[in-house]
Each structure stands twice: as structure tokens, then as C-alpha cells.
């Protein structure tokens, strides 16, 4: 996970900085954790990582 926030503007600014730093936009994952009155919605920003190619025999670390 790169960032977790309840502030949509902070999320958008962080995504913009990542793209400016060269991150591939297709690998940026944003999950919205819907809240209720007691727990406001949260946004979780992470980098999508695919699993290893089948038969490669290599372990793949999320990063």
C-alpha cells in the first residue's frame, strides 16, 4: 500500500505526483472503502502487481 486517506484531494494529488515520477497509470490501484456515519469513507492507493508467469519457479514479492 502506498497511501490510505479519507481526503479525495490528497489522493488525487498523490496519484498526480506518482505519474509525474514515471509510474505507469495502468498499475495504480485505488480501492474505496465505503464508510458510514461513524466511519467515513477511505481511499487506499496501491500498486497493482501481477503474479509470476506460470512455470517460472520464481517467488514474487508485492512491492
PDB file of N, CA and C in Angstrom:
ATOM      1  N   UNK A   1       0.846  -1.165   0.000  1.00  0.00           N
ATOM      2  CA  UNK A   1       0.000   0.000   0.000  1.00  0.00           C
ATOM      3  C   UNK A   1       0.897   1.236   0.000  1.00  0.00           C
ATOM      4  N   UNK A   2       0.505   2.202  -0.798  1.00  0.00           N
ATOM      5  CA  UNK A   2       1.265   3.438  -0.912  1.00  0.00           C
ATOM      6  C   UNK A   2       0.685   4.524  -0.008  1.00  0.00           C
ATOM      7  N   UNK A   3      -0.647   4.614   0.046  1.00  0.00           N
ATOM      8  CA  UNK A   3      -1.299   5.684   0.797  1.00  0.00           C
ATOM      9  C   UNK A   3      -2.700   5.243   1.201  1.00  0.00           C
ATOM     10  N   UNK A   4      -3.131   5.647   2.391  1.00  0.00           N
ATOM     11  CA  UNK A   4      -4.528   5.488   2.791  1.00  0.00           C
ATOM     12  C   UNK A   4      -4.974   6.815   3.375  1.00  0.00           C
ATOM     13  N   UNK A   5      -6.076   7.352   2.852  1.00  0.00           N
ATOM     14  CA  UNK A   5      -6.540   8.663   3.271  1.00  0.00           C
ATOM     15  C   UNK A   5      -8.048   8.761   3.121  1.00  0.00           C
ATOM     16  N   UNK A   6      -8.635   9.670   3.828  1.00  0.00           N
ATOM     17  CA  UNK A   6     -10.050   9.975   3.680  1.00  0.00           C
ATOM     18  C   UNK A   6     -10.265  11.236   2.867  1.00  0.00           C
ATOM     19  N   UNK A   7      -9.187  11.826   2.385  1.00  0.00           N
ATOM     20  CA  UNK A   7      -9.221  13.091   1.659  1.00  0.00           C
ATOM     21  C   UNK A   7      -9.031  12.842   0.159  1.00  0.00           C
ATOM     22  N   UNK A   8     -10.102  13.029  -0.616  1.00  0.00           N
ATOM     23  CA  UNK A   8     -10.043  12.800  -2.055  1.00  0.00           C
ATOM     24  C   UNK A   8      -9.034  13.692  -2.758  1.00  0.00           C
ATOM     25  N   UNK A   9      -8.899  14.939  -2.318  1.00  0.00           N
ATOM     26  CA  UNK A   9      -7.934  15.855  -2.933  1.00  0.00           C
ATOM     27  C   UNK A   9      -6.505  15.374  -2.693  1.00  0.00           C
ATOM     28  N   UNK A  10      -6.232  14.874  -1.494  1.00  0.00           N
ATOM     29  CA  UNK A  10      -4.901  14.346  -1.191  1.00  0.00           C
ATOM     30  C   UNK A  10      -4.605  13.129  -2.066  1.00  0.00           C
ATOM     31  N   UNK A  11      -5.593  12.278  -2.255  1.00  0.00           N
ATOM     32  CA  UNK A  11      -5.436  11.099  -3.107  1.00  0.00           C
ATOM     33  C   UNK A  11      -5.092  11.513  -4.537  1.00  0.00           C
ATOM     34  N   UNK A  12      -5.854  12.435  -5.104  1.00  0.00           N
ATOM     35  CA  UNK A  12      -5.603  12.878  -6.482  1.00  0.00           C
ATOM     36  C   UNK A  12      -4.229  13.514  -6.626  1.00  0.00           C
ATOM     37  N   UNK A  13      -3.826  14.315  -5.651  1.00  0.00           N
ATOM     38  CA  UNK A  13      -2.508  14.950  -5.703  1.00  0.00           C
ATOM     39  C   UNK A  13      -1.401  13.903  -5.653  1.00  0.00           C
ATOM     40  N   UNK A  14      -1.575  12.876  -4.836  1.00  0.00           N
ATOM     41  CA  UNK A  14      -0.560  11.826  -4.715  1.00  0.00           C
ATOM     42  C   UNK A  14      -0.463  11.027  -6.013  1.00  0.00           C
ATOM     43  N   UNK A  15      -1.607  10.712  -6.620  1.00  0.00           N
ATOM     44  CA  UNK A  15      -1.606   9.998  -7.903  1.00  0.00           C
ATOM     45  C   UNK A  15      -0.900  10.840  -8.960  1.00  0.00           C
ATOM     46  N   UNK A  16      -1.174  12.124  -8.992  1.00  0.00           N
ATOM     47  CA  UNK A  16      -0.530  13.027  -9.958  1.00  0.00           C
ATOM     48  C   UNK A  16       0.988  13.025  -9.772  1.00  0.00           C
ATOM     49  N   UNK A  17       1.452  13.070  -8.515  1.00  0.00           N
ATOM     50  CA  UNK A  17       2.902  13.043  -8.257  1.00  0.00           C
ATOM     51  C   UNK A  17       3.522  11.723  -8.705  1.00  0.00           C
ATOM     52  N   UNK A  18       2.819  10.614  -8.473  1.00  0.00           N
ATOM     53  CA  UNK A  18       3.333   9.310  -8.903  1.00  0.00           C
ATOM     54  C   UNK A  18       3.455   9.245 -10.419  1.00  0.00           C
ATOM     55  N   UNK A  19       2.455   9.764 -11.127  1.00  0.00           N
ATOM     56  CA  UNK A  19       2.505   9.765 -12.582  1.00  0.00           C
ATOM     57  C   UNK A  19       3.641  10.656 -13.086  1.00  0.00           C
ATOM     58  N   UNK A  20       3.839  11.792 -12.452  1.00  0.00           N
ATOM     59  CA  UNK A  20       4.944  12.680 -12.829  1.00  0.00           C
ATOM     60  C   UNK A  20       6.290  12.023 -12.570  1.00  0.00           C
ATOM     61  N   UNK A  21       6.340  11.115 -11.580  1.00  0.00           N
ATOM     62  CA  UNK A  21       7.582  10.410 -11.252  1.00  0.00           C
ATOM     63  C   UNK A  21       7.813   9.206 -12.167  1.00  0.00           C
ATOM     64  N   UNK A  22       6.865   8.960 -13.091  1.00  0.00           N
ATOM     65  CA  UNK A  22       7.069   7.898 -14.054  1.00  0.00           C
ATOM     66  C   UNK A  22       6.292   6.618 -13.812  1.00  0.00           C
ATOM     67  N   UNK A  23       5.419   6.600 -12.811  1.00  0.00           N
ATOM     68  CA  UNK A  23       4.600   5.402 -12.583  1.00  0.00           C
ATOM     69  C   UNK A  23       3.657   5.205 -13.757  1.00  0.00           C
ATOM     70  N   UNK A  24       3.469   3.969 -14.165  1.00  0.00           N
ATOM     71  CA  UNK A  24       2.520   3.610 -15.210  1.00  0.00           C
ATOM     72  C   UNK A  24       1.111   3.693 -14.617  1.00  0.00           C
ATOM     73  N   UNK A  25       0.275   4.544 -15.182  1.00  0.00           N
ATOM     74  CA  UNK A  25      -1.071   4.756 -14.643  1.00  0.00           C
ATOM     75  C   UNK A  25      -1.897   3.471 -14.627  1.00  0.00           C
ATOM     76  N   UNK A  26      -1.617   2.543 -15.534  1.00  0.00           N
ATOM     77  CA  UNK A  26      -2.392   1.300 -15.567  1.00  0.00           C
ATOM     78  C   UNK A  26      -2.066   0.384 -14.390  1.00  0.00           C
ATOM     79  N   UNK A  27      -0.994   0.683 -13.650  1.00  0.00           N
ATOM     80  CA  UNK A  27      -0.613  -0.137 -12.499  1.00  0.00           C
ATOM     81  C   UNK A  27      -1.034   0.475 -11.163  1.00  0.00           C
ATOM     82  N   UNK A  28      -1.688   1.636 -11.220  1.00  0.00           N
ATOM     83  CA  UNK A  28      -2.140   2.290  -9.993  1.00  0.00           C
ATOM     84  C   UNK A  28      -3.524   1.751  -9.644  1.00  0.00           C
ATOM     85  N   UNK A  29      -3.653   1.252  -8.427  1.00  0.00           N
ATOM     86  CA  UNK A  29      -4.926   0.681  -7.969  1.00  0.00           C
ATOM     87  C   UNK A  29      -5.482   1.563  -6.855  1.00  0.00           C
ATOM     88  N   UNK A  30      -6.757   1.928  -6.969  1.00  0.00           N
ATOM     89  CA  UNK A  30      -7.426   2.723  -5.945  1.00  0.00           C
ATOM     90  C   UNK A  30      -8.645   1.948  -5.463  1.00  0.00           C
ATOM     91  N   UNK A  31      -8.663   1.637  -4.183  1.00  0.00           N
ATOM     92  CA  UNK A  31      -9.813   0.978  -3.565  1.00  0.00           C
ATOM     93  C   UNK A  31     -10.537   2.007  -2.711  1.00  0.00           C
ATOM     94  N   UNK A  32     -11.852   2.012  -2.791  1.00  0.00           N
ATOM     95  CA  UNK A  32     -12.660   2.891  -1.956  1.00  0.00           C
ATOM     96  C   UNK A  32     -13.326   2.036  -0.892  1.00  0.00           C
ATOM     97  N   UNK A  33     -13.003   2.322   0.353  1.00  0.00           N
ATOM     98  CA  UNK A  33     -13.590   1.616   1.488  1.00  0.00           C
ATOM     99  C   UNK A  33     -14.756   2.470   1.975  1.00  0.00           C
ATOM    100  N   UNK A  34     -15.960   2.085   1.590  1.00  0.00           N
ATOM    101  CA  UNK A  34     -17.149   2.887   1.883  1.00  0.00           C
ATOM    102  C   UNK A  34     -17.467   2.869   3.364  1.00  0.00           C
ATOM    103  N   UNK A  35     -17.633   4.039   3.909  1.00  0.00           N
ATOM    104  CA  UNK A  35     -17.921   4.158   5.324  1.00  0.00           C
ATOM    105  C   UNK A  35     -19.370   4.521   5.574  1.00  0.00           C
ATOM    106  N   UNK A  36     -19.656   4.746   6.814  1.00  0.00           N
ATOM    107  CA  UNK A  36     -20.978   5.185   7.243  1.00  0.00           C
ATOM    108  C   UNK A  36     -20.758   6.394   8.149  1.00  0.00           C
ATOM    109  N   UNK A  37     -21.753   6.753   8.894  1.00  0.00           N
ATOM    110  CA  UNK A  37     -21.640   7.939   9.739  1.00  0.00           C
ATOM    111  C   UNK A  37     -20.482   7.844  10.726  1.00  0.00           C
ATOM    112  N   UNK A  38     -20.304   6.683  11.339  1.00  0.00           N
ATOM    113  CA  UNK A  38     -19.239   6.528  12.334  1.00  0.00           C
ATOM    114  C   UNK A  38     -17.858   6.426  11.692  1.00  0.00           C
ATOM    115  N   UNK A  39     -17.802   5.827  10.509  1.00  0.00           N
ATOM    116  CA  UNK A  39     -16.526   5.591   9.838  1.00  0.00           C
ATOM    117  C   UNK A  39     -16.582   6.198   8.443  1.00  0.00           C
ATOM    118  N   UNK A  40     -15.960   7.347   8.238  1.00  0.00           N
ATOM    119  CA  UNK A  40     -16.001   7.968   6.913  1.00  0.00           C
ATOM    120  C   UNK A  40     -15.276   7.114   5.869  1.00  0.00           C
ATOM    121  N   UNK A  41     -15.641   7.303   4.610  1.00  0.00           N
ATOM    122  CA  UNK A  41     -15.004   6.562   3.519  1.00  0.00           C
ATOM    123  C   UNK A  41     -13.508   6.825   3.493  1.00  0.00           C
ATOM    124  N   UNK A  42     -12.763   5.800   3.118  1.00  0.00           N
ATOM    125  CA  UNK A  42     -11.314   5.881   2.995  1.00  0.00           C
ATOM    126  C   UNK A  42     -10.927   5.451   1.588  1.00  0.00           C
ATOM    127  N   UNK A  43      -9.823   5.990   1.107  1.00  0.00           N
ATOM    128  CA  UNK A  43      -9.271   5.613  -0.183  1.00  0.00           C
ATOM    129  C   UNK A  43      -7.927   4.954   0.073  1.00  0.00           C
ATOM    130  N   UNK A  44      -7.710   3.822  -0.569  1.00  0.00           N
ATOM    131  CA  UNK A  44      -6.455   3.095  -0.401  1.00  0.00           C
ATOM    132  C   UNK A  44      -5.780   3.022  -1.768  1.00  0.00           C
ATOM    133  N   UNK A  45      -4.583   3.583  -1.848  1.00  0.00           N
ATOM    134  CA  UNK A  45      -3.816   3.632  -3.085  1.00  0.00           C
ATOM    135  C   UNK A  45      -2.698   2.606  -3.008  1.00  0.00           C
ATOM    136  N   UNK A  46      -2.601   1.774  -4.027  1.00  0.00           N
ATOM    137  CA  UNK A  46      -1.544   0.770  -4.055  1.00  0.00           C
ATOM    138  C   UNK A  46      -1.102   0.551  -5.493  1.00  0.00           C
ATOM    139  N   UNK A  47      -0.061  -0.235  -5.638  1.00  0.00           N
ATOM    140  CA  UNK A  47       0.473  -0.559  -6.959  1.00  0.00           C
ATOM    141  C   UNK A  47       0.042  -1.975  -7.296  1.00  0.00           C
ATOM    142  N   UNK A  48      -0.593  -2.139  -8.454  1.00  0.00           N
ATOM    143  CA  UNK A  48      -1.032  -3.460  -8.882  1.00  0.00           C
ATOM    144  C   UNK A  48       0.189  -4.267  -9.285  1.00  0.00           C
ATOM    145  N   UNK A  49       0.286  -5.481  -8.753  1.00  0.00           N
ATOM    146  CA  UNK A  49       1.406  -6.371  -9.062  1.00  0.00           C
ATOM    147  C   UNK A  49       0.823  -7.691  -9.528  1.00  0.00           C
ATOM    148  N   UNK A  50       1.226  -8.119 -10.714  1.00  0.00           N
ATOM    149  CA  UNK A  50       0.740  -9.398 -11.230  1.00  0.00           C
ATOM    150  C   UNK A  50       1.527 -10.536 -10.606  1.00  0.00           C
ATOM    151  N   UNK A  51       0.974 -11.724 -10.664  1.00  0.00           N
ATOM    152  CA  UNK A  51       1.657 -12.914 -10.157  1.00  0.00           C
ATOM    153  C   UNK A  51       2.759 -13.333 -11.118  1.00  0.00           C
ATOM    154  N   UNK A  52       3.610 -14.262 -10.695  1.00  0.00           N
ATOM    155  CA  UNK A  52       4.701 -14.729 -11.562  1.00  0.00           C
ATOM    156  C   UNK A  52       4.139 -15.497 -12.756  1.00  0.00           C
ATOM    157  N   UNK A  53       4.874 -15.477 -13.855  1.00  0.00           N
ATOM    158  CA  UNK A  53       4.472 -16.245 -15.033  1.00  0.00           C
ATOM    159  C   UNK A  53       4.453 -17.718 -14.663  1.00  0.00           C
ATOM    160  N   UNK A  54       3.479 -18.456 -15.173  1.00  0.00           N
ATOM    161  CA  UNK A  54       3.389 -19.862 -14.785  1.00  0.00           C
ATOM    162  C   UNK A  54       4.610 -20.618 -15.272  1.00  0.00           C
ATOM    163  N   UNK A  55       5.150 -21.438 -14.391  1.00  0.00           N
ATOM    164  CA  UNK A  55       6.327 -22.228 -14.729  1.00  0.00           C
ATOM    165  C   UNK A  55       7.637 -21.506 -14.526  1.00  0.00           C
ATOM    166  N   UNK A  56       7.598 -20.244 -14.054  1.00  0.00           N
ATOM    167  CA  UNK A  56       8.853 -19.514 -13.881  1.00  0.00           C
ATOM    168  C   UNK A  56       9.609 -19.992 -12.652  1.00  0.00           C
ATOM    169  N   UNK A  57       8.872 -20.508 -11.644  1.00  0.00           N
ATOM    170  CA  UNK A  57       9.520 -21.006 -10.437  1.00  0.00           C
ATOM    171  C   UNK A  57      10.038 -19.919  -9.517  1.00  0.00           C
ATOM    172  N   UNK A  58       9.789 -18.657  -9.852  1.00  0.00           N
ATOM    173  CA  UNK A  58      10.277 -17.555  -9.021  1.00  0.00           C
ATOM    174  C   UNK A  58       9.161 -17.062  -8.118  1.00  0.00           C
ATOM    175  N   UNK A  59       9.531 -16.686  -6.906  1.00  0.00           N
ATOM    176  CA  UNK A  59       8.577 -16.082  -5.990  1.00  0.00           C
ATOM    177  C   UNK A  59       8.431 -14.621  -6.375  1.00  0.00           C
ATOM    178  N   UNK A  60       7.267 -14.071  -6.133  1.00  0.00           N
ATOM    179  CA  UNK A  60       7.018 -12.676  -6.477  1.00  0.00           C
ATOM    180  C   UNK A  60       6.619 -11.916  -5.220  1.00  0.00           C
ATOM    181  N   UNK A  61       7.376 -10.896  -4.885  1.00  0.00           N
ATOM    182  CA  UNK A  61       7.073 -10.084  -3.705  1.00  0.00           C
ATOM    183  C   UNK A  61       6.259  -8.878  -4.129  1.00  0.00           C
ATOM    184  N   UNK A  62       5.245  -8.528  -3.347  1.00  0.00           N
ATOM    185  CA  UNK A  62       4.453  -7.337  -3.610  1.00  0.00           C
ATOM    186  C   UNK A  62       5.304  -6.121  -3.304  1.00  0.00           C
ATOM    187  N   UNK A  63       5.378  -5.194  -4.195  1.00  0.00           N
ATOM    188  CA  UNK A  63       6.202  -4.038  -3.908  1.00  0.00           C
ATOM    189  C   UNK A  63       5.985  -2.989  -4.821  1.00  0.00           C
TER     190      UNK A  63
END
